[in-house]
Amino acid sequence: MASSPPTAADGPVARRLPALRGVCVPGTGHDPHPERPEVLHRLLAGFLAELPAEPSCVGVGSSS
């Protein structure tokens, strides 16, 4: 399963979130979490591993 760039069908969401990635999970409908939990877990783990170790939001939750 490879992620793909947004398509015209992704519409307004893709325009607002240019870094959006879509993933097709064969054998699922609208609920991959109960239908293919092992695949969803692998995809989410890969996504989370790509995030920076430190958040990029400066000042969020701080008292400064």
C-alpha atoms as a PDB file:
ATOM      1  CA  MET A   1       0.000   0.000   0.000  1.00  0.00           C
ATOM      2  CA  ALA A   2       1.513   3.233  -1.086  1.00  0.00           C
ATOM      3  CA  SER A   3       0.298   6.651  -0.160  1.00  0.00           C
ATOM      4  CA  SER A   4      -0.637   8.865  -3.021  1.00  0.00           C
ATOM      5  CA  PRO A   5      -0.939  12.611  -3.499  1.00  0.00           C
ATOM      6  CA  PRO A   6      -4.429  14.111  -3.326  1.00  0.00           C
ATOM      7  CA  THR A   7      -6.582  13.836  -6.406  1.00  0.00           C
ATOM      8  CA  ALA A   8      -9.353  16.073  -7.727  1.00  0.00           C
ATOM      9  CA  ALA A   9     -11.811  13.820  -5.875  1.00  0.00           C
ATOM     10  CA  ASP A  10     -10.257  14.905  -2.561  1.00  0.00           C
ATOM     11  CA  GLY A  11     -11.615  18.389  -3.271  1.00  0.00           C
ATOM     12  CA  PRO A  12     -11.649  21.177  -0.699  1.00  0.00           C
ATOM     13  CA  VAL A  13      -9.766  19.196   1.946  1.00  0.00           C
ATOM     14  CA  ALA A  14      -6.779  18.744  -0.363  1.00  0.00           C
ATOM     15  CA  ARG A  15      -6.746  22.449  -1.175  1.00  0.00           C
ATOM     16  CA  ARG A  16      -6.660  23.372   2.518  1.00  0.00           C
ATOM     17  CA  LEU A  17      -4.161  20.663   3.470  1.00  0.00           C
ATOM     18  CA  PRO A  18      -1.577  20.437   0.690  1.00  0.00           C
ATOM     19  CA  ALA A  19       0.464  17.834   2.610  1.00  0.00           C
ATOM     20  CA  LEU A  20      -2.541  15.492   2.665  1.00  0.00           C
ATOM     21  CA  ARG A  21      -1.769  11.875   1.769  1.00  0.00           C
ATOM     22  CA  GLY A  22      -4.303   9.276   0.840  1.00  0.00           C
ATOM     23  CA  VAL A  23      -3.948   5.536   1.285  1.00  0.00           C
ATOM     24  CA  CYS A  24      -6.040   2.851  -0.332  1.00  0.00           C
ATOM     25  CA  VAL A  25      -6.505  -0.230   1.851  1.00  0.00           C
ATOM     26  CA  PRO A  26      -7.776  -3.096  -0.318  1.00  0.00           C
ATOM     27  CA  GLY A  27     -10.483  -5.200   1.272  1.00  0.00           C
ATOM     28  CA  THR A  28     -11.942  -2.393   3.377  1.00  0.00           C
ATOM     29  CA  GLY A  29     -14.881  -0.083   3.114  1.00  0.00           C
ATOM     30  CA  HIS A  30     -15.216   2.969   5.318  1.00  0.00           C
ATOM     31  CA  ASP A  31     -13.990   1.307   8.531  1.00  0.00           C
ATOM     32  CA  PRO A  32     -10.444  -0.003   8.179  1.00  0.00           C
ATOM     33  CA  HIS A  33      -9.970  -0.192  11.961  1.00  0.00           C
ATOM     34  CA  PRO A  34     -12.256  -3.239  12.460  1.00  0.00           C
ATOM     35  CA  GLU A  35     -11.812  -4.637   8.939  1.00  0.00           C
ATOM     36  CA  ARG A  36      -7.991  -4.570   8.654  1.00  0.00           C
ATOM     37  CA  PRO A  37      -6.600  -3.486  12.039  1.00  0.00           C
ATOM     38  CA  GLU A  38      -3.107  -4.832  11.351  1.00  0.00           C
ATOM     39  CA  VAL A  39      -2.807  -2.736   8.189  1.00  0.00           C
ATOM     40  CA  LEU A  40      -4.175   0.384   9.869  1.00  0.00           C
ATOM     41  CA  HIS A  41      -1.769  -0.077  12.777  1.00  0.00           C
ATOM     42  CA  ARG A  42       1.200  -0.350  10.410  1.00  0.00           C
ATOM     43  CA  LEU A  43       0.115   2.765   8.487  1.00  0.00           C
ATOM     44  CA  LEU A  44      -0.429   4.803  11.649  1.00  0.00           C
ATOM     45  CA  ALA A  45       2.871   3.661  13.166  1.00  0.00           C
ATOM     46  CA  GLY A  46       4.678   4.716   9.989  1.00  0.00           C
ATOM     47  CA  PHE A  47       2.934   8.102   9.993  1.00  0.00           C
ATOM     48  CA  LEU A  48       3.739   8.731  13.652  1.00  0.00           C
ATOM     49  CA  ALA A  49       7.378   7.740  13.098  1.00  0.00           C
ATOM     50  CA  GLU A  50       7.655  10.519  10.488  1.00  0.00           C
ATOM     51  CA  LEU A  51       6.555  13.247  12.918  1.00  0.00           C
ATOM     52  CA  PRO A  52       9.215  15.433  14.492  1.00  0.00           C
ATOM     53  CA  ALA A  53      10.234  14.523  18.028  1.00  0.00           C
ATOM     54  CA  GLU A  54       9.431  18.047  19.208  1.00  0.00           C
ATOM     55  CA  PRO A  55       6.174  19.806  18.363  1.00  0.00           C
ATOM     56  CA  SER A  56       6.465  22.782  16.052  1.00  0.00           C
ATOM     57  CA  CYS A  57       3.829  24.808  17.939  1.00  0.00           C
ATOM     58  CA  VAL A  58       5.675  27.459  19.922  1.00  0.00           C
ATOM     59  CA  GLY A  59       3.862  28.765  22.960  1.00  0.00           C
ATOM     60  CA  VAL A  60       1.077  26.206  23.015  1.00  0.00           C
ATOM     61  CA  GLY A  61       0.538  25.104  26.573  1.00  0.00           C
ATOM     62  CA  SER A  62       3.257  27.359  27.932  1.00  0.00           C
ATOM     63  CA  SER A  63       2.870  30.225  30.341  1.00  0.00           C
ATOM     64  CA  SER A  64       4.995  32.663  28.314  1.00  0.00           C
END
